[in-house]
Amino acid sequence: MQAVHVFKTGTGLRCTMGEQGEGHGITHRLDVLGFNCPVPVAKTREALEELLAGNVLEVLADDPETLHDMPLLIGRGPHNLLEVAKQEGEIRFIIEVKS
């Protein structure tokens, strides 16, 4: 994914805008690899507040707690959790922004 825009998501964290046409139509990526609870969920919440309905956010994390916490966060709001995938210690969440 080619980064073309950097969101303000806090020190050391980046949320970048990607190219259209990738799997699930991902428009933004938040990389929270190396951060532990509560940072991944808190930064995901911040990113979702900045995005527009129809955007699709990919979150990359490696904290096992996110497997429990991220679905809880998404379940409390209007957004849709489209995919959760775990591979080689990394967890990938695909979230469709609804409002």
PDB file of N, CA and C in Angstrom:
ATOM      1  N   MET A   1       0.851  -1.164   0.000  1.00  0.00           N
ATOM      2  CA  MET A   1       0.000   0.000   0.000  1.00  0.00           C
ATOM      3  C   MET A   1       0.901   1.232   0.000  1.00  0.00           C
ATOM      4  N   GLN A   2       0.660   2.145  -0.878  1.00  0.00           N
ATOM      5  CA  GLN A   2       1.432   3.370  -0.951  1.00  0.00           C
ATOM      6  C   GLN A   2       0.836   4.414  -0.017  1.00  0.00           C
ATOM      7  N   ALA A   3       1.678   4.961   0.867  1.00  0.00           N
ATOM      8  CA  ALA A   3       1.207   5.982   1.799  1.00  0.00           C
ATOM      9  C   ALA A   3       1.174   7.332   1.097  1.00  0.00           C
ATOM     10  N   VAL A   4       0.038   7.998   1.163  1.00  0.00           N
ATOM     11  CA  VAL A   4      -0.072   9.304   0.538  1.00  0.00           C
ATOM     12  C   VAL A   4      -0.500  10.384   1.520  1.00  0.00           C
ATOM     13  N   HIS A   5      -0.903  10.014   2.720  1.00  0.00           N
ATOM     14  CA  HIS A   5      -1.348  10.997   3.701  1.00  0.00           C
ATOM     15  C   HIS A   5      -1.134  10.423   5.098  1.00  0.00           C
ATOM     16  N   VAL A   6      -0.663  11.228   6.006  1.00  0.00           N
ATOM     17  CA  VAL A   6      -0.456  10.774   7.374  1.00  0.00           C
ATOM     18  C   VAL A   6      -1.455  11.459   8.294  1.00  0.00           C
ATOM     19  N   PHE A   7      -2.183  10.657   9.069  1.00  0.00           N
ATOM     20  CA  PHE A   7      -3.139  11.164  10.057  1.00  0.00           C
ATOM     21  C   PHE A   7      -2.399  11.520  11.328  1.00  0.00           C
ATOM     22  N   LYS A   8      -2.952  12.415  12.098  1.00  0.00           N
ATOM     23  CA  LYS A   8      -2.419  12.699  13.426  1.00  0.00           C
ATOM     24  C   LYS A   8      -3.034  11.699  14.397  1.00  0.00           C
ATOM     25  N   THR A   9      -2.272  10.667  14.738  1.00  0.00           N
ATOM     26  CA  THR A   9      -2.784   9.659  15.655  1.00  0.00           C
ATOM     27  C   THR A   9      -1.916   9.532  16.891  1.00  0.00           C
ATOM     28  N   GLY A  10      -0.965  10.414  17.067  1.00  0.00           N
ATOM     29  CA  GLY A  10      -0.138  10.369  18.265  1.00  0.00           C
ATOM     30  C   GLY A  10       1.289   9.987  17.949  1.00  0.00           C
ATOM     31  N   THR A  11       2.148  10.226  18.880  1.00  0.00           N
ATOM     32  CA  THR A  11       3.570   9.985  18.714  1.00  0.00           C
ATOM     33  C   THR A  11       3.847   8.524  18.407  1.00  0.00           C
ATOM     34  N   GLY A  12       4.590   8.289  17.360  1.00  0.00           N
ATOM     35  CA  GLY A  12       5.022   6.952  17.011  1.00  0.00           C
ATOM     36  C   GLY A  12       3.995   6.107  16.291  1.00  0.00           C
ATOM     37  N   LEU A  13       2.799   6.622  16.074  1.00  0.00           N
ATOM     38  CA  LEU A  13       1.754   5.856  15.418  1.00  0.00           C
ATOM     39  C   LEU A  13       1.389   6.546  14.122  1.00  0.00           C
ATOM     40  N   ARG A  14       1.088   5.752  13.109  1.00  0.00           N
ATOM     41  CA  ARG A  14       0.731   6.334  11.824  1.00  0.00           C
ATOM     42  C   ARG A  14      -0.559   5.720  11.310  1.00  0.00           C
ATOM     43  N   CYS A  15      -1.394   6.542  10.771  1.00  0.00           N
ATOM     44  CA  CYS A  15      -2.570   6.088  10.047  1.00  0.00           C
ATOM     45  C   CYS A  15      -2.415   6.668   8.652  1.00  0.00           C
ATOM     46  N   THR A  16      -2.253   5.832   7.664  1.00  0.00           N
ATOM     47  CA  THR A  16      -1.987   6.317   6.324  1.00  0.00           C
ATOM     48  C   THR A  16      -3.129   5.975   5.385  1.00  0.00           C
ATOM     49  N   MET A  17      -3.286   6.790   4.353  1.00  0.00           N
ATOM     50  CA  MET A  17      -4.314   6.558   3.362  1.00  0.00           C
ATOM     51  C   MET A  17      -3.725   5.684   2.265  1.00  0.00           C
ATOM     52  N   GLY A  18      -4.455   4.660   1.853  1.00  0.00           N
ATOM     53  CA  GLY A  18      -3.969   3.757   0.828  1.00  0.00           C
ATOM     54  C   GLY A  18      -4.666   3.969  -0.497  1.00  0.00           C
ATOM     55  N   GLU A  19      -4.253   3.192  -1.460  1.00  0.00           N
ATOM     56  CA  GLU A  19      -4.847   3.260  -2.784  1.00  0.00           C
ATOM     57  C   GLU A  19      -6.130   2.447  -2.808  1.00  0.00           C
ATOM     58  N   GLN A  20      -7.109   2.906  -3.552  1.00  0.00           N
ATOM     59  CA  GLN A  20      -8.364   2.172  -3.714  1.00  0.00           C
ATOM     60  C   GLN A  20      -8.084   0.862  -4.457  1.00  0.00           C
ATOM     61  N   GLY A  21      -8.975  -0.091  -4.305  1.00  0.00           N
ATOM     62  CA  GLY A  21      -8.879  -1.318  -5.072  1.00  0.00           C
ATOM     63  C   GLY A  21      -8.181  -2.449  -4.356  1.00  0.00           C
ATOM     64  N   GLU A  22      -7.696  -2.224  -3.139  1.00  0.00           N
ATOM     65  CA  GLU A  22      -7.077  -3.310  -2.403  1.00  0.00           C
ATOM     66  C   GLU A  22      -8.175  -4.152  -1.772  1.00  0.00           C
ATOM     67  N   GLY A  23      -7.814  -5.284  -1.176  1.00  0.00           N
ATOM     68  CA  GLY A  23      -8.795  -6.147  -0.556  1.00  0.00           C
ATOM     69  C   GLY A  23      -9.712  -5.379   0.373  1.00  0.00           C
ATOM     70  N   HIS A  24     -11.002  -5.602   0.279  1.00  0.00           N
ATOM     71  CA  HIS A  24     -12.025  -4.917   1.077  1.00  0.00           C
ATOM     72  C   HIS A  24     -12.093  -3.419   0.784  1.00  0.00           C
ATOM     73  N   GLY A  25     -11.389  -2.929  -0.219  1.00  0.00           N
ATOM     74  CA  GLY A  25     -11.409  -1.498  -0.519  1.00  0.00           C
ATOM     75  C   GLY A  25     -10.762  -0.669   0.576  1.00  0.00           C
ATOM     76  N   ILE A  26      -9.690  -1.179   1.172  1.00  0.00           N
ATOM     77  CA  ILE A  26      -9.019  -0.497   2.276  1.00  0.00           C
ATOM     78  C   ILE A  26      -8.592   0.901   1.844  1.00  0.00           C
ATOM     79  N   THR A  27      -8.981   1.893   2.640  1.00  0.00           N
ATOM     80  CA  THR A  27      -8.619   3.272   2.343  1.00  0.00           C
ATOM     81  C   THR A  27      -7.595   3.824   3.324  1.00  0.00           C
ATOM     82  N   HIS A  28      -7.489   3.235   4.524  1.00  0.00           N
ATOM     83  CA  HIS A  28      -6.579   3.733   5.544  1.00  0.00           C
ATOM     84  C   HIS A  28      -5.975   2.570   6.320  1.00  0.00           C
ATOM     85  N   ARG A  29      -4.762   2.761   6.808  1.00  0.00           N
ATOM     86  CA  ARG A  29      -4.077   1.731   7.599  1.00  0.00           C
ATOM     87  C   ARG A  29      -3.555   2.367   8.880  1.00  0.00           C
ATOM     88  N   LEU A  30      -3.774   1.685   9.998  1.00  0.00           N
ATOM     89  CA  LEU A  30      -3.234   2.095  11.288  1.00  0.00           C
ATOM     90  C   LEU A  30      -2.301   1.002  11.769  1.00  0.00           C
ATOM     91  N   ASP A  31      -1.028   1.330  11.941  1.00  0.00           N
ATOM     92  CA  ASP A  31      -0.011   0.381  12.372  1.00  0.00           C
ATOM     93  C   ASP A  31       0.274   0.609  13.846  1.00  0.00           C
ATOM     94  N   VAL A  32      -0.189  -0.318  14.688  1.00  0.00           N
ATOM     95  CA  VAL A  32       0.068  -0.241  16.123  1.00  0.00           C
ATOM     96  C   VAL A  32       0.888  -1.448  16.579  1.00  0.00           C
ATOM     97  N   LEU A  33       1.694  -1.976  15.682  1.00  0.00           N
ATOM     98  CA  LEU A  33       2.578  -3.087  16.018  1.00  0.00           C
ATOM     99  C   LEU A  33       3.574  -2.623  17.082  1.00  0.00           C
ATOM    100  N   GLY A  34       3.760  -3.451  18.107  1.00  0.00           N
ATOM    101  CA  GLY A  34       4.698  -3.125  19.168  1.00  0.00           C
ATOM    102  C   GLY A  34       4.075  -2.369  20.332  1.00  0.00           C
ATOM    103  N   PHE A  35       2.796  -2.008  20.230  1.00  0.00           N
ATOM    104  CA  PHE A  35       2.104  -1.303  21.304  1.00  0.00           C
ATOM    105  C   PHE A  35       1.168  -2.261  22.023  1.00  0.00           C
ATOM    106  N   ASN A  36       1.108  -2.130  23.343  1.00  0.00           N
ATOM    107  CA  ASN A  36       0.243  -2.984  24.151  1.00  0.00           C
ATOM    108  C   ASN A  36      -0.989  -2.222  24.614  1.00  0.00           C
ATOM    109  N   CYS A  37      -1.954  -2.988  25.126  1.00  0.00           N
ATOM    110  CA  CYS A  37      -3.193  -2.461  25.657  1.00  0.00           C
ATOM    111  C   CYS A  37      -2.899  -1.346  26.650  1.00  0.00           C
ATOM    112  N   PRO A  38      -3.616  -0.253  26.557  1.00  0.00           N
ATOM    113  CA  PRO A  38      -4.814   0.036  25.774  1.00  0.00           C
ATOM    114  C   PRO A  38      -4.550   0.797  24.484  1.00  0.00           C
ATOM    115  N   VAL A  39      -3.292   0.977  24.102  1.00  0.00           N
ATOM    116  CA  VAL A  39      -2.947   1.835  22.969  1.00  0.00           C
ATOM    117  C   VAL A  39      -3.610   1.405  21.659  1.00  0.00           C
ATOM    118  N   PRO A  40      -3.541   0.125  21.229  1.00  0.00           N
ATOM    119  CA  PRO A  40      -4.138  -0.220  19.930  1.00  0.00           C
ATOM    120  C   PRO A  40      -5.625   0.133  19.818  1.00  0.00           C
ATOM    121  N   VAL A  41      -6.387  -0.155  20.854  1.00  0.00           N
ATOM    122  CA  VAL A  41      -7.824   0.132  20.812  1.00  0.00           C
ATOM    123  C   VAL A  41      -8.074   1.637  20.892  1.00  0.00           C
ATOM    124  N   ALA A  42      -7.345   2.331  21.738  1.00  0.00           N
ATOM    125  CA  ALA A  42      -7.523   3.779  21.870  1.00  0.00           C
ATOM    126  C   ALA A  42      -7.192   4.486  20.560  1.00  0.00           C
ATOM    127  N   LYS A  43      -6.116   4.096  19.909  1.00  0.00           N
ATOM    128  CA  LYS A  43      -5.728   4.737  18.648  1.00  0.00           C
ATOM    129  C   LYS A  43      -6.689   4.365  17.522  1.00  0.00           C
ATOM    130  N   THR A  44      -7.238   3.157  17.571  1.00  0.00           N
ATOM    131  CA  THR A  44      -8.246   2.772  16.589  1.00  0.00           C
ATOM    132  C   THR A  44      -9.488   3.639  16.756  1.00  0.00           C
ATOM    133  N   ARG A  45      -9.916   3.844  17.989  1.00  0.00           N
ATOM    134  CA  ARG A  45     -11.069   4.701  18.263  1.00  0.00           C
ATOM    135  C   ARG A  45     -10.824   6.111  17.724  1.00  0.00           C
ATOM    136  N   GLU A  46      -9.635   6.666  17.977  1.00  0.00           N
ATOM    137  CA  GLU A  46      -9.291   8.008  17.480  1.00  0.00           C
ATOM    138  C   GLU A  46      -9.332   8.061  15.955  1.00  0.00           C
ATOM    139  N   ALA A  47      -8.757   7.044  15.317  1.00  0.00           N
ATOM    140  CA  ALA A  47      -8.735   7.017  13.847  1.00  0.00           C
ATOM    141  C   ALA A  47     -10.148   6.948  13.288  1.00  0.00           C
ATOM    142  N   LEU A  48     -11.005   6.104  13.880  1.00  0.00           N
ATOM    143  CA  LEU A  48     -12.381   5.967  13.400  1.00  0.00           C
ATOM    144  C   LEU A  48     -13.151   7.283  13.517  1.00  0.00           C
ATOM    145  N   GLU A  49     -12.860   8.066  14.533  1.00  0.00           N
ATOM    146  CA  GLU A  49     -13.524   9.358  14.704  1.00  0.00           C
ATOM    147  C   GLU A  49     -13.138  10.343  13.601  1.00  0.00           C
ATOM    148  N   GLU A  50     -11.954  10.170  13.012  1.00  0.00           N
ATOM    149  CA  GLU A  50     -11.462  11.070  11.970  1.00  0.00           C
ATOM    150  C   GLU A  50     -11.917  10.667  10.566  1.00  0.00           C
ATOM    151  N   LEU A  51     -12.339   9.417  10.408  1.00  0.00           N
ATOM    152  CA  LEU A  51     -12.661   8.896   9.075  1.00  0.00           C
ATOM    153  C   LEU A  51     -14.120   9.161   8.710  1.00  0.00           C
ATOM    154  N   LEU A  52     -14.382   9.093   7.418  1.00  0.00           N
ATOM    155  CA  LEU A  52     -15.722   9.318   6.888  1.00  0.00           C
ATOM    156  C   LEU A  52     -16.440   7.999   6.648  1.00  0.00           C
ATOM    157  N   ALA A  53     -17.759   8.036   6.667  1.00  0.00           N
ATOM    158  CA  ALA A  53     -18.551   6.849   6.353  1.00  0.00           C
ATOM    159  C   ALA A  53     -18.132   6.322   4.988  1.00  0.00           C
ATOM    160  N   GLY A  54     -17.973   5.026   4.894  1.00  0.00           N
ATOM    161  CA  GLY A  54     -17.554   4.391   3.652  1.00  0.00           C
ATOM    162  C   GLY A  54     -16.067   4.090   3.596  1.00  0.00           C
ATOM    163  N   ASN A  55     -15.261   4.760   4.449  1.00  0.00           N
ATOM    164  CA  ASN A  55     -13.843   4.434   4.515  1.00  0.00           C
ATOM    165  C   ASN A  55     -13.684   3.044   5.122  1.00  0.00           C
ATOM    166  N   VAL A  56     -12.569   2.406   4.805  1.00  0.00           N
ATOM    167  CA  VAL A  56     -12.259   1.095   5.364  1.00  0.00           C
ATOM    168  C   VAL A  56     -10.877   1.180   5.994  1.00  0.00           C
ATOM    169  N   LEU A  57     -10.815   0.899   7.292  1.00  0.00           N
ATOM    170  CA  LEU A  57      -9.585   0.995   8.067  1.00  0.00           C
ATOM    171  C   LEU A  57      -9.003  -0.393   8.304  1.00  0.00           C
ATOM    172  N   GLU A  58      -7.722  -0.547   7.977  1.00  0.00           N
ATOM    173  CA  GLU A  58      -6.978  -1.759   8.309  1.00  0.00           C
ATOM    174  C   GLU A  58      -6.124  -1.431   9.528  1.00  0.00           C
ATOM    175  N   VAL A  59      -6.254  -2.226  10.579  1.00  0.00           N
ATOM    176  CA  VAL A  59      -5.452  -2.045  11.785  1.00  0.00           C
ATOM    177  C   VAL A  59      -4.519  -3.245  11.910  1.00  0.00           C
ATOM    178  N   LEU A  60      -3.225  -2.965  12.057  1.00  0.00           N
ATOM    179  CA  LEU A  60      -2.219  -4.007  12.250  1.00  0.00           C
ATOM    180  C   LEU A  60      -1.730  -3.944  13.684  1.00  0.00           C
ATOM    181  N   ALA A  61      -1.883  -5.041  14.422  1.00  0.00           N
ATOM    182  CA  ALA A  61      -1.503  -5.092  15.827  1.00  0.00           C
ATOM    183  C   ALA A  61      -0.807  -6.415  16.115  1.00  0.00           C
ATOM    184  N   ASP A  62      -0.116  -6.474  17.256  1.00  0.00           N
ATOM    185  CA  ASP A  62       0.476  -7.745  17.672  1.00  0.00           C
ATOM    186  C   ASP A  62       0.220  -8.043  19.152  1.00  0.00           C
ATOM    187  N   ASP A  63      -0.571  -7.218  19.795  1.00  0.00           N
ATOM    188  CA  ASP A  63      -0.963  -7.462  21.179  1.00  0.00           C
ATOM    189  C   ASP A  63      -2.136  -8.438  21.187  1.00  0.00           C
ATOM    190  N   PRO A  64      -1.968  -9.630  21.772  1.00  0.00           N
ATOM    191  CA  PRO A  64      -3.047 -10.625  21.774  1.00  0.00           C
ATOM    192  C   PRO A  64      -4.350 -10.128  22.397  1.00  0.00           C
ATOM    193  N   GLU A  65      -4.277  -9.152  23.292  1.00  0.00           N
ATOM    194  CA  GLU A  65      -5.481  -8.603  23.921  1.00  0.00           C
ATOM    195  C   GLU A  65      -6.422  -7.967  22.894  1.00  0.00           C
ATOM    196  N   THR A  66      -5.875  -7.519  21.758  1.00  0.00           N
ATOM    197  CA  THR A  66      -6.731  -6.882  20.754  1.00  0.00           C
ATOM    198  C   THR A  66      -7.735  -7.863  20.165  1.00  0.00           C
ATOM    199  N   LEU A  67      -7.436  -9.157  20.196  1.00  0.00           N
ATOM    200  CA  LEU A  67      -8.394 -10.151  19.687  1.00  0.00           C
ATOM    201  C   LEU A  67      -9.690 -10.120  20.488  1.00  0.00           C
ATOM    202  N   HIS A  68      -9.609  -9.742  21.722  1.00  0.00           N
ATOM    203  CA  HIS A  68     -10.789  -9.613  22.576  1.00  0.00           C
ATOM    204  C   HIS A  68     -11.341  -8.186  22.554  1.00  0.00           C
ATOM    205  N   ASP A  69     -10.425  -7.212  22.669  1.00  0.00           N
ATOM    206  CA  ASP A  69     -10.839  -5.816  22.855  1.00  0.00           C
ATOM    207  C   ASP A  69     -11.360  -5.140  21.588  1.00  0.00           C
ATOM    208  N   MET A  70     -10.768  -5.429  20.443  1.00  0.00           N
ATOM    209  CA  MET A  70     -11.182  -4.747  19.216  1.00  0.00           C
ATOM    210  C   MET A  70     -12.633  -5.084  18.829  1.00  0.00           C
ATOM    211  N   PRO A  71     -13.042  -6.357  18.842  1.00  0.00           N
ATOM    212  CA  PRO A  71     -14.452  -6.646  18.554  1.00  0.00           C
ATOM    213  C   PRO A  71     -15.408  -5.970  19.541  1.00  0.00           C
ATOM    214  N   LEU A  72     -14.999  -5.837  20.809  1.00  0.00           N
ATOM    215  CA  LEU A  72     -15.838  -5.131  21.781  1.00  0.00           C
ATOM    216  C   LEU A  72     -15.991  -3.661  21.404  1.00  0.00           C
ATOM    217  N   LEU A  73     -14.883  -3.011  21.014  1.00  0.00           N
ATOM    218  CA  LEU A  73     -14.938  -1.617  20.591  1.00  0.00           C
ATOM    219  C   LEU A  73     -15.867  -1.449  19.396  1.00  0.00           C
ATOM    220  N   ILE A  74     -15.711  -2.283  18.390  1.00  0.00           N
ATOM    221  CA  ILE A  74     -16.506  -2.159  17.171  1.00  0.00           C
ATOM    222  C   ILE A  74     -17.972  -2.493  17.454  1.00  0.00           C
ATOM    223  N   GLY A  75     -18.214  -3.447  18.340  1.00  0.00           N
ATOM    224  CA  GLY A  75     -19.574  -3.835  18.681  1.00  0.00           C
ATOM    225  C   GLY A  75     -20.363  -2.754  19.396  1.00  0.00           C
ATOM    226  N   ARG A  76     -19.666  -1.795  19.995  1.00  0.00           N
ATOM    227  CA  ARG A  76     -20.330  -0.705  20.722  1.00  0.00           C
ATOM    228  C   ARG A  76     -20.708   0.462  19.819  1.00  0.00           C
ATOM    229  N   GLY A  77     -20.261   0.442  18.580  1.00  0.00           N
ATOM    230  CA  GLY A  77     -20.505   1.574  17.686  1.00  0.00           C
ATOM    231  C   GLY A  77     -21.183   1.141  16.403  1.00  0.00           C
ATOM    232  N   PRO A  78     -21.254   2.050  15.465  1.00  0.00           N
ATOM    233  CA  PRO A  78     -21.963   1.766  14.217  1.00  0.00           C
ATOM    234  C   PRO A  78     -21.122   1.042  13.169  1.00  0.00           C
ATOM    235  N   HIS A  79     -19.839   0.881  13.413  1.00  0.00           N
ATOM    236  CA  HIS A  79     -18.932   0.350  12.400  1.00  0.00           C
ATOM    237  C   HIS A  79     -19.060  -1.170  12.257  1.00  0.00           C
ATOM    238  N   ASN A  80     -18.558  -1.689  11.133  1.00  0.00           N
ATOM    239  CA  ASN A  80     -18.601  -3.128  10.867  1.00  0.00           C
ATOM    240  C   ASN A  80     -17.191  -3.707  10.885  1.00  0.00           C
ATOM    241  N   LEU A  81     -17.006  -4.783  11.617  1.00  0.00           N
ATOM    242  CA  LEU A  81     -15.751  -5.521  11.609  1.00  0.00           C
ATOM    243  C   LEU A  81     -15.848  -6.543  10.483  1.00  0.00           C
ATOM    244  N   LEU A  82     -15.140  -6.279   9.387  1.00  0.00           N
ATOM    245  CA  LEU A  82     -15.252  -7.118   8.194  1.00  0.00           C
ATOM    246  C   LEU A  82     -14.375  -8.353   8.253  1.00  0.00           C
ATOM    247  N   GLU A  83     -13.220  -8.237   8.915  1.00  0.00           N
ATOM    248  CA  GLU A  83     -12.278  -9.365   8.918  1.00  0.00           C
ATOM    249  C   GLU A  83     -11.349  -9.259  10.109  1.00  0.00           C
ATOM    250  N   VAL A  84     -11.011 -10.424  10.665  1.00  0.00           N
ATOM    251  CA  VAL A  84      -9.959 -10.541  11.660  1.00  0.00           C
ATOM    252  C   VAL A  84      -9.087 -11.695  11.204  1.00  0.00           C
ATOM    253  N   ALA A  85      -7.801 -11.438  11.052  1.00  0.00           N
ATOM    254  CA  ALA A  85      -6.880 -12.488  10.611  1.00  0.00           C
ATOM    255  C   ALA A  85      -5.620 -12.426  11.455  1.00  0.00           C
ATOM    256  N   LYS A  86      -5.152 -13.585  11.880  1.00  0.00           N
ATOM    257  CA  LYS A  86      -3.920 -13.660  12.662  1.00  0.00           C
ATOM    258  C   LYS A  86      -2.921 -14.506  11.891  1.00  0.00           C
ATOM    259  N   GLN A  87      -1.721 -13.939  11.716  1.00  0.00           N
ATOM    260  CA  GLN A  87      -0.691 -14.667  10.986  1.00  0.00           C
ATOM    261  C   GLN A  87       0.675 -14.275  11.524  1.00  0.00           C
ATOM    262  N   GLU A  88       1.431 -15.260  11.940  1.00  0.00           N
ATOM    263  CA  GLU A  88       2.800 -15.075  12.424  1.00  0.00           C
ATOM    264  C   GLU A  88       2.891 -14.002  13.506  1.00  0.00           C
ATOM    265  N   GLY A  89       1.925 -14.002  14.434  1.00  0.00           N
ATOM    266  CA  GLY A  89       1.954 -13.078  15.552  1.00  0.00           C
ATOM    267  C   GLY A  89       1.353 -11.716  15.281  1.00  0.00           C
ATOM    268  N   GLU A  90       1.025 -11.418  14.039  1.00  0.00           N
ATOM    269  CA  GLU A  90       0.374 -10.160  13.707  1.00  0.00           C
ATOM    270  C   GLU A  90      -1.115 -10.371  13.519  1.00  0.00           C
ATOM    271  N   ILE A  91      -1.889  -9.404  13.980  1.00  0.00           N
ATOM    272  CA  ILE A  91      -3.337  -9.477  13.874  1.00  0.00           C
ATOM    273  C   ILE A  91      -3.794  -8.335  12.982  1.00  0.00           C
ATOM    274  N   ARG A  92      -4.652  -8.666  12.030  1.00  0.00           N
ATOM    275  CA  ARG A  92      -5.145  -7.681  11.061  1.00  0.00           C
ATOM    276  C   ARG A  92      -6.652  -7.564  11.216  1.00  0.00           C
ATOM    277  N   PHE A  93      -7.099  -6.341  11.486  1.00  0.00           N
ATOM    278  CA  PHE A  93      -8.515  -6.048  11.604  1.00  0.00           C
ATOM    279  C   PHE A  93      -8.910  -5.162  10.434  1.00  0.00           C
ATOM    280  N   ILE A  94     -10.007  -5.495   9.772  1.00  0.00           N
ATOM    281  CA  ILE A  94     -10.543  -4.666   8.694  1.00  0.00           C
ATOM    282  C   ILE A  94     -11.884  -4.125   9.194  1.00  0.00           C
ATOM    283  N   ILE A  95     -11.997  -2.792   9.242  1.00  0.00           N
ATOM    284  CA  ILE A  95     -13.171  -2.145   9.821  1.00  0.00           C
ATOM    285  C   ILE A  95     -13.778  -1.187   8.800  1.00  0.00           C
ATOM    286  N   GLU A  96     -15.071  -1.371   8.527  1.00  0.00           N
ATOM    287  CA  GLU A  96     -15.795  -0.462   7.647  1.00  0.00           C
ATOM    288  C   GLU A  96     -16.408   0.642   8.501  1.00  0.00           C
ATOM    289  N   VAL A  97     -16.114   1.882   8.131  1.00  0.00           N
ATOM    290  CA  VAL A  97     -16.611   3.031   8.887  1.00  0.00           C
ATOM    291  C   VAL A  97     -18.033   3.317   8.439  1.00  0.00           C
ATOM    292  N   LYS A  98     -18.944   3.407   9.396  1.00  0.00           N
ATOM    293  CA  LYS A  98     -20.358   3.628   9.080  1.00  0.00           C
ATOM    294  C   LYS A  98     -20.808   5.058   9.325  1.00  0.00           C
ATOM    295  N   SER A  99     -20.244   5.755  10.288  1.00  0.00           N
ATOM    296  CA  SER A  99     -20.621   7.157  10.497  1.00  0.00           C
ATOM    297  C   SER A  99     -19.589   7.852  11.347  1.00  0.00           C
TER     298      SER A  99
END
